[in-house]
Amino acid sequence: MEREIRRPDAADHFMVLKPIKRRIVIRLPDGTKLAETTRATRVLEVGKTLYDPVVYIPKQDLLVPLTKQENTTHCPLKGDAHYYKFTHDQGALADLAWSYEETFDFSQEIAGLIAFYSNKVIVEEHPL
């Protein structure tokens, strides 16, 4: 079910979470499959601007190990983001993905989900 989450101190900063009723496959441009899930959520966020939609998936649906990096950032709507890299034959891809592991109480639906940078991966949507 679609859900809207607004920042309590700034109602014009919000996100809409919409379950994706399709099979999602996430690949590197070289074809390496990173994840596959039927439990993805599309997040549409409005803040200072309308941000590009982002697909979040459960970490349990990753097919490869990702390594947590030391860098973090803070979002007043979601909490602190932790970044991940993937190391494979061609080297390491830093800042490939991010996750809000500890969110604010009002945005806990995305806690522990992971998202990938759309300019670094290919996100495929397939019928169930």
N, C-alpha and C. Protein backbone atom coordinates (compact mmCIF):
# COMPACT_ATOMS: atom_id res chain seq x y z
N MET A 1 0.83 -1.17 0.00
CA MET A 1 0.00 0.00 0.00
C MET A 1 0.89 1.25 0.00
N GLU A 2 0.53 2.21 -0.80
CA GLU A 2 1.26 3.47 -0.88
C GLU A 2 1.18 4.23 0.44
N ARG A 3 2.30 4.84 0.84
CA ARG A 3 2.32 5.57 2.11
C ARG A 3 3.10 6.86 1.95
N GLU A 4 2.57 7.94 2.50
CA GLU A 4 3.25 9.23 2.49
C GLU A 4 3.84 9.49 3.87
N ILE A 5 5.09 9.94 3.90
CA ILE A 5 5.76 10.26 5.16
C ILE A 5 6.25 11.70 5.07
N ARG A 6 5.79 12.52 6.01
CA ARG A 6 6.17 13.94 6.05
C ARG A 6 7.09 14.21 7.23
N ARG A 7 8.00 15.09 7.02
CA ARG A 7 8.89 15.53 8.09
C ARG A 7 8.08 16.37 9.08
N PRO A 8 8.08 16.01 10.34
CA PRO A 8 7.24 16.72 11.32
C PRO A 8 7.51 18.22 11.42
N ASP A 9 8.75 18.64 11.26
CA ASP A 9 9.08 20.06 11.40
C ASP A 9 9.11 20.82 10.08
N ALA A 10 8.83 20.14 8.97
CA ALA A 10 8.83 20.78 7.65
C ALA A 10 7.94 19.95 6.72
N ALA A 11 6.65 20.23 6.75
CA ALA A 11 5.68 19.41 6.01
C ALA A 11 5.89 19.41 4.50
N ASP A 12 6.64 20.40 3.98
CA ASP A 12 6.88 20.42 2.53
C ASP A 12 8.04 19.50 2.13
N HIS A 13 8.66 18.83 3.11
CA HIS A 13 9.68 17.82 2.83
C HIS A 13 9.06 16.47 3.15
N PHE A 14 8.77 15.68 2.11
CA PHE A 14 8.08 14.41 2.32
C PHE A 14 8.51 13.40 1.27
N MET A 15 8.13 12.16 1.52
CA MET A 15 8.38 11.09 0.55
C MET A 15 7.14 10.21 0.47
N VAL A 16 6.97 9.62 -0.69
CA VAL A 16 5.90 8.66 -0.91
C VAL A 16 6.56 7.32 -1.19
N LEU A 17 6.15 6.30 -0.42
CA LEU A 17 6.66 4.95 -0.60
C LEU A 17 5.60 4.14 -1.32
N LYS A 18 5.99 3.54 -2.41
CA LYS A 18 5.03 2.78 -3.22
C LYS A 18 5.63 1.40 -3.53
N PRO A 19 4.99 0.34 -3.03
CA PRO A 19 5.49 -1.02 -3.35
C PRO A 19 5.47 -1.25 -4.86
N ILE A 20 6.50 -1.94 -5.34
CA ILE A 20 6.59 -2.25 -6.77
C ILE A 20 6.12 -3.69 -6.95
N LYS A 21 5.06 -3.87 -7.68
CA LYS A 21 4.48 -5.19 -7.88
C LYS A 21 5.07 -5.84 -9.14
N ARG A 22 6.38 -5.91 -9.17
CA ARG A 22 7.13 -6.51 -10.27
C ARG A 22 8.38 -7.15 -9.69
N ARG A 23 9.05 -7.95 -10.51
CA ARG A 23 10.34 -8.53 -10.11
C ARG A 23 11.41 -7.53 -10.53
N ILE A 24 12.24 -7.15 -9.59
CA ILE A 24 13.30 -6.17 -9.83
C ILE A 24 14.64 -6.90 -9.86
N VAL A 25 15.44 -6.62 -10.88
CA VAL A 25 16.80 -7.16 -11.00
C VAL A 25 17.73 -5.95 -11.10
N ILE A 26 18.78 -5.97 -10.30
CA ILE A 26 19.76 -4.89 -10.32
C ILE A 26 21.08 -5.46 -10.79
N ARG A 27 21.64 -4.86 -11.85
CA ARG A 27 22.88 -5.34 -12.47
C ARG A 27 23.86 -4.19 -12.62
N LEU A 28 25.13 -4.56 -12.69
CA LEU A 28 26.15 -3.63 -13.11
C LEU A 28 26.09 -3.53 -14.63
N PRO A 29 26.63 -2.49 -15.23
CA PRO A 29 26.63 -2.40 -16.69
C PRO A 29 27.31 -3.58 -17.38
N ASP A 30 28.24 -4.27 -16.69
CA ASP A 30 28.90 -5.43 -17.30
C ASP A 30 28.04 -6.70 -17.22
N GLY A 31 26.85 -6.60 -16.64
CA GLY A 31 25.94 -7.73 -16.55
C GLY A 31 25.93 -8.43 -15.20
N THR A 32 26.87 -8.13 -14.32
CA THR A 32 26.90 -8.76 -13.01
C THR A 32 25.61 -8.48 -12.25
N LYS A 33 24.93 -9.55 -11.83
CA LYS A 33 23.68 -9.40 -11.10
C LYS A 33 23.99 -9.17 -9.62
N LEU A 34 23.50 -8.05 -9.09
CA LEU A 34 23.74 -7.68 -7.70
C LEU A 34 22.59 -8.07 -6.78
N ALA A 35 21.37 -8.01 -7.31
CA ALA A 35 20.20 -8.27 -6.48
C ALA A 35 19.02 -8.67 -7.35
N GLU A 36 18.10 -9.40 -6.72
CA GLU A 36 16.83 -9.74 -7.38
C GLU A 36 15.78 -9.84 -6.28
N THR A 37 14.64 -9.20 -6.51
CA THR A 37 13.61 -9.17 -5.47
C THR A 37 12.21 -8.98 -6.06
N THR A 38 11.24 -9.40 -5.30
CA THR A 38 9.83 -9.08 -5.59
C THR A 38 9.28 -8.23 -4.45
N ARG A 39 10.18 -7.68 -3.63
CA ARG A 39 9.77 -6.90 -2.45
C ARG A 39 10.34 -5.48 -2.47
N ALA A 40 10.43 -4.88 -3.64
CA ALA A 40 11.02 -3.55 -3.77
C ALA A 40 9.99 -2.46 -3.48
N THR A 41 10.51 -1.31 -3.11
CA THR A 41 9.69 -0.13 -2.85
C THR A 41 10.28 1.05 -3.63
N ARG A 42 9.40 1.77 -4.33
CA ARG A 42 9.84 2.98 -5.02
C ARG A 42 9.61 4.16 -4.07
N VAL A 43 10.64 4.99 -3.90
CA VAL A 43 10.54 6.15 -3.03
C VAL A 43 10.62 7.41 -3.88
N LEU A 44 9.59 8.22 -3.77
CA LEU A 44 9.54 9.51 -4.46
C LEU A 44 9.64 10.58 -3.38
N GLU A 45 10.66 11.43 -3.46
CA GLU A 45 10.90 12.41 -2.40
C GLU A 45 10.81 13.83 -2.95
N VAL A 46 10.16 14.68 -2.16
CA VAL A 46 10.08 16.10 -2.45
C VAL A 46 10.72 16.83 -1.28
N GLY A 47 11.71 17.65 -1.59
CA GLY A 47 12.39 18.44 -0.56
C GLY A 47 12.66 19.80 -1.15
N LYS A 48 13.94 20.14 -1.29
CA LYS A 48 14.30 21.39 -1.96
C LYS A 48 13.91 21.35 -3.43
N THR A 49 13.75 20.13 -3.93
CA THR A 49 13.36 19.89 -5.31
C THR A 49 12.61 18.56 -5.35
N LEU A 50 12.14 18.16 -6.52
CA LEU A 50 11.58 16.83 -6.70
C LEU A 50 12.74 15.93 -7.11
N TYR A 51 13.08 14.98 -6.25
CA TYR A 51 14.22 14.09 -6.51
C TYR A 51 13.80 12.95 -7.43
N ASP A 52 14.76 12.40 -8.15
CA ASP A 52 14.48 11.25 -9.00
C ASP A 52 13.99 10.09 -8.13
N PRO A 53 13.05 9.30 -8.64
CA PRO A 53 12.59 8.13 -7.88
C PRO A 53 13.75 7.17 -7.60
N VAL A 54 13.70 6.52 -6.44
CA VAL A 54 14.73 5.58 -6.03
C VAL A 54 14.07 4.26 -5.66
N VAL A 55 14.66 3.15 -6.09
CA VAL A 55 14.17 1.82 -5.75
C VAL A 55 14.97 1.31 -4.55
N TYR A 56 14.26 0.97 -3.49
CA TYR A 56 14.86 0.38 -2.29
C TYR A 56 14.46 -1.09 -2.23
N ILE A 57 15.40 -1.93 -1.80
CA ILE A 57 15.13 -3.37 -1.70
C ILE A 57 15.60 -3.88 -0.34
N PRO A 58 15.06 -5.00 0.12
CA PRO A 58 15.57 -5.62 1.35
C PRO A 58 17.01 -6.10 1.14
N LYS A 59 17.86 -5.89 2.14
CA LYS A 59 19.25 -6.36 2.04
C LYS A 59 19.33 -7.87 1.85
N GLN A 60 18.33 -8.59 2.35
CA GLN A 60 18.33 -10.05 2.23
C GLN A 60 18.25 -10.50 0.77
N ASP A 61 17.86 -9.59 -0.14
CA ASP A 61 17.72 -9.95 -1.54
C ASP A 61 18.96 -9.60 -2.37
N LEU A 62 20.02 -9.20 -1.69
CA LEU A 62 21.30 -9.01 -2.39
C LEU A 62 21.86 -10.37 -2.78
N LEU A 63 22.49 -10.46 -3.92
CA LEU A 63 23.09 -11.70 -4.40
C LEU A 63 24.60 -11.70 -4.24
N VAL A 64 25.17 -10.55 -3.90
CA VAL A 64 26.61 -10.40 -3.72
C VAL A 64 26.87 -9.68 -2.41
N PRO A 65 28.03 -9.87 -1.83
CA PRO A 65 28.35 -9.12 -0.60
C PRO A 65 28.73 -7.68 -0.92
N LEU A 66 28.22 -6.76 -0.15
CA LEU A 66 28.61 -5.36 -0.23
C LEU A 66 29.36 -5.02 1.06
N THR A 67 30.31 -4.12 0.97
CA THR A 67 31.12 -3.72 2.12
C THR A 67 30.74 -2.32 2.55
N LYS A 68 30.43 -2.18 3.84
CA LYS A 68 30.08 -0.86 4.37
C LYS A 68 31.33 0.01 4.39
N GLN A 69 31.17 1.24 3.91
CA GLN A 69 32.24 2.22 3.93
C GLN A 69 32.12 3.07 5.20
N GLU A 70 33.09 3.91 5.44
CA GLU A 70 33.08 4.74 6.64
C GLU A 70 32.24 5.99 6.50
N ASN A 71 32.03 6.46 5.27
CA ASN A 71 31.33 7.73 5.08
C ASN A 71 29.83 7.60 5.34
N THR A 72 29.27 8.67 5.90
CA THR A 72 27.83 8.76 6.16
C THR A 72 27.36 10.16 5.79
N THR A 73 26.06 10.28 5.58
CA THR A 73 25.44 11.59 5.39
C THR A 73 24.16 11.60 6.20
N HIS A 74 23.62 12.79 6.43
CA HIS A 74 22.41 12.93 7.23
C HIS A 74 21.29 13.52 6.38
N CYS A 75 20.11 12.93 6.50
CA CYS A 75 18.90 13.44 5.85
C CYS A 75 17.89 13.74 6.96
N PRO A 76 17.34 14.95 7.02
CA PRO A 76 16.39 15.28 8.08
C PRO A 76 15.04 14.57 7.94
N LEU A 77 14.84 13.87 6.83
CA LEU A 77 13.60 13.10 6.63
C LEU A 77 13.80 11.62 6.94
N LYS A 78 15.00 11.10 6.64
CA LYS A 78 15.23 9.66 6.74
C LYS A 78 16.20 9.25 7.84
N GLY A 79 17.18 10.07 8.16
CA GLY A 79 18.18 9.71 9.16
C GLY A 79 19.57 9.71 8.57
N ASP A 80 20.45 8.86 9.10
CA ASP A 80 21.84 8.79 8.66
C ASP A 80 22.01 7.66 7.64
N ALA A 81 22.55 8.03 6.49
CA ALA A 81 22.80 7.05 5.43
C ALA A 81 24.22 6.50 5.56
N HIS A 82 24.34 5.20 5.36
CA HIS A 82 25.63 4.53 5.31
C HIS A 82 25.83 4.06 3.87
N TYR A 83 27.06 4.13 3.39
CA TYR A 83 27.35 3.83 1.99
C TYR A 83 28.10 2.51 1.86
N TYR A 84 27.92 1.88 0.71
CA TYR A 84 28.46 0.55 0.47
C TYR A 84 29.22 0.51 -0.85
N LYS A 85 30.23 -0.37 -0.88
CA LYS A 85 30.96 -0.61 -2.11
C LYS A 85 30.87 -2.09 -2.46
N PHE A 86 31.16 -2.37 -3.71
CA PHE A 86 31.19 -3.75 -4.20
C PHE A 86 32.55 -3.98 -4.82
N THR A 87 33.21 -5.05 -4.42
CA THR A 87 34.52 -5.40 -4.95
C THR A 87 34.37 -6.65 -5.80
N HIS A 88 34.86 -6.57 -7.03
CA HIS A 88 34.83 -7.73 -7.93
C HIS A 88 36.08 -7.73 -8.79
N ASP A 89 36.11 -8.57 -9.79
CA ASP A 89 37.31 -8.78 -10.60
C ASP A 89 37.90 -7.48 -11.16
N GLN A 90 37.03 -6.54 -11.53
CA GLN A 90 37.53 -5.30 -12.13
C GLN A 90 37.88 -4.24 -11.08
N GLY A 91 37.81 -4.57 -9.80
CA GLY A 91 38.16 -3.62 -8.75
C GLY A 91 36.96 -3.29 -7.87
N ALA A 92 37.07 -2.22 -7.13
CA ALA A 92 36.02 -1.82 -6.20
C ALA A 92 35.20 -0.68 -6.79
N LEU A 93 33.90 -0.76 -6.60
CA LEU A 93 32.99 0.32 -6.97
C LEU A 93 32.52 0.98 -5.68
N ALA A 94 33.14 2.10 -5.34
CA ALA A 94 32.79 2.80 -4.10
C ALA A 94 31.48 3.55 -4.27
N ASP A 95 30.82 3.81 -3.15
CA ASP A 95 29.56 4.55 -3.14
C ASP A 95 28.59 4.01 -4.19
N LEU A 96 28.45 2.71 -4.22
CA LEU A 96 27.53 2.07 -5.16
C LEU A 96 26.10 2.10 -4.64
N ALA A 97 25.96 1.98 -3.31
CA ALA A 97 24.64 1.87 -2.71
C ALA A 97 24.63 2.56 -1.35
N TRP A 98 23.44 2.75 -0.81
CA TRP A 98 23.31 3.33 0.53
C TRP A 98 22.12 2.72 1.24
N SER A 99 22.14 2.88 2.57
CA SER A 99 21.08 2.33 3.40
C SER A 99 20.90 3.22 4.63
N TYR A 100 19.66 3.38 5.05
CA TYR A 100 19.34 4.06 6.30
C TYR A 100 19.05 2.96 7.32
N GLU A 101 20.05 2.60 8.08
CA GLU A 101 19.91 1.48 9.01
C GLU A 101 19.16 1.88 10.28
N GLU A 102 19.37 3.10 10.71
CA GLU A 102 18.65 3.63 11.87
C GLU A 102 17.97 4.91 11.41
N THR A 103 16.67 4.84 11.24
CA THR A 103 15.91 5.98 10.75
C THR A 103 15.21 6.69 11.91
N PHE A 104 14.57 7.78 11.58
CA PHE A 104 13.69 8.42 12.54
C PHE A 104 12.47 7.53 12.71
N ASP A 105 11.78 7.65 13.83
CA ASP A 105 10.59 6.84 14.08
C ASP A 105 9.56 6.98 12.96
N PHE A 106 9.40 8.18 12.43
CA PHE A 106 8.37 8.41 11.41
C PHE A 106 8.75 7.88 10.03
N SER A 107 10.00 7.49 9.83
CA SER A 107 10.40 6.97 8.51
C SER A 107 10.98 5.56 8.60
N GLN A 108 10.57 4.80 9.60
CA GLN A 108 11.16 3.49 9.85
C GLN A 108 10.86 2.45 8.77
N GLU A 109 9.91 2.71 7.86
CA GLU A 109 9.63 1.73 6.79
C GLU A 109 10.83 1.49 5.87
N ILE A 110 11.75 2.45 5.81
CA ILE A 110 12.91 2.25 4.94
C ILE A 110 14.14 1.76 5.71
N ALA A 111 14.01 1.58 7.01
CA ALA A 111 15.15 1.12 7.82
C ALA A 111 15.63 -0.24 7.31
N GLY A 112 16.92 -0.33 7.05
CA GLY A 112 17.51 -1.60 6.63
C GLY A 112 17.34 -1.93 5.16
N LEU A 113 16.60 -1.11 4.41
CA LEU A 113 16.51 -1.33 2.97
C LEU A 113 17.75 -0.71 2.33
N ILE A 114 18.05 -1.12 1.12
CA ILE A 114 19.24 -0.61 0.43
C ILE A 114 18.84 -0.11 -0.95
N ALA A 115 19.50 0.95 -1.38
CA ALA A 115 19.25 1.53 -2.70
C ALA A 115 20.57 1.70 -3.43
N PHE A 116 20.50 1.70 -4.75
CA PHE A 116 21.69 1.81 -5.59
C PHE A 116 21.62 3.10 -6.40
N TYR A 117 22.78 3.68 -6.67
CA TYR A 117 22.84 4.85 -7.52
C TYR A 117 22.46 4.48 -8.94
N SER A 118 21.47 5.16 -9.49
CA SER A 118 20.95 4.81 -10.81
C SER A 118 21.96 5.05 -11.93
N ASN A 119 22.97 5.87 -11.70
CA ASN A 119 23.98 6.09 -12.74
C ASN A 119 25.10 5.04 -12.68
N LYS A 120 25.03 4.11 -11.71
CA LYS A 120 26.05 3.08 -11.57
C LYS A 120 25.53 1.67 -11.82
N VAL A 121 24.21 1.51 -11.85
CA VAL A 121 23.59 0.20 -12.05
C VAL A 121 22.47 0.30 -13.06
N ILE A 122 22.01 -0.86 -13.48
CA ILE A 122 20.82 -0.97 -14.33
C ILE A 122 19.74 -1.63 -13.49
N VAL A 123 18.60 -0.97 -13.38
CA VAL A 123 17.47 -1.51 -12.63
C VAL A 123 16.44 -2.00 -13.63
N GLU A 124 16.23 -3.31 -13.65
CA GLU A 124 15.26 -3.91 -14.58
C GLU A 124 13.97 -4.23 -13.83
N GLU A 125 12.85 -3.97 -14.49
CA GLU A 125 11.54 -4.34 -13.92
C GLU A 125 10.92 -5.39 -14.84
N HIS A 126 10.55 -6.52 -14.25
CA HIS A 126 9.97 -7.64 -15.01
C HIS A 126 8.61 -8.00 -14.43
N PRO A 127 7.69 -8.50 -15.26
CA PRO A 127 6.40 -8.95 -14.73
C PRO A 127 6.62 -10.09 -13.73
N LEU A 128 5.70 -10.21 -12.79
CA LEU A 128 5.77 -11.31 -11.84
C LEU A 128 5.38 -12.62 -12.50
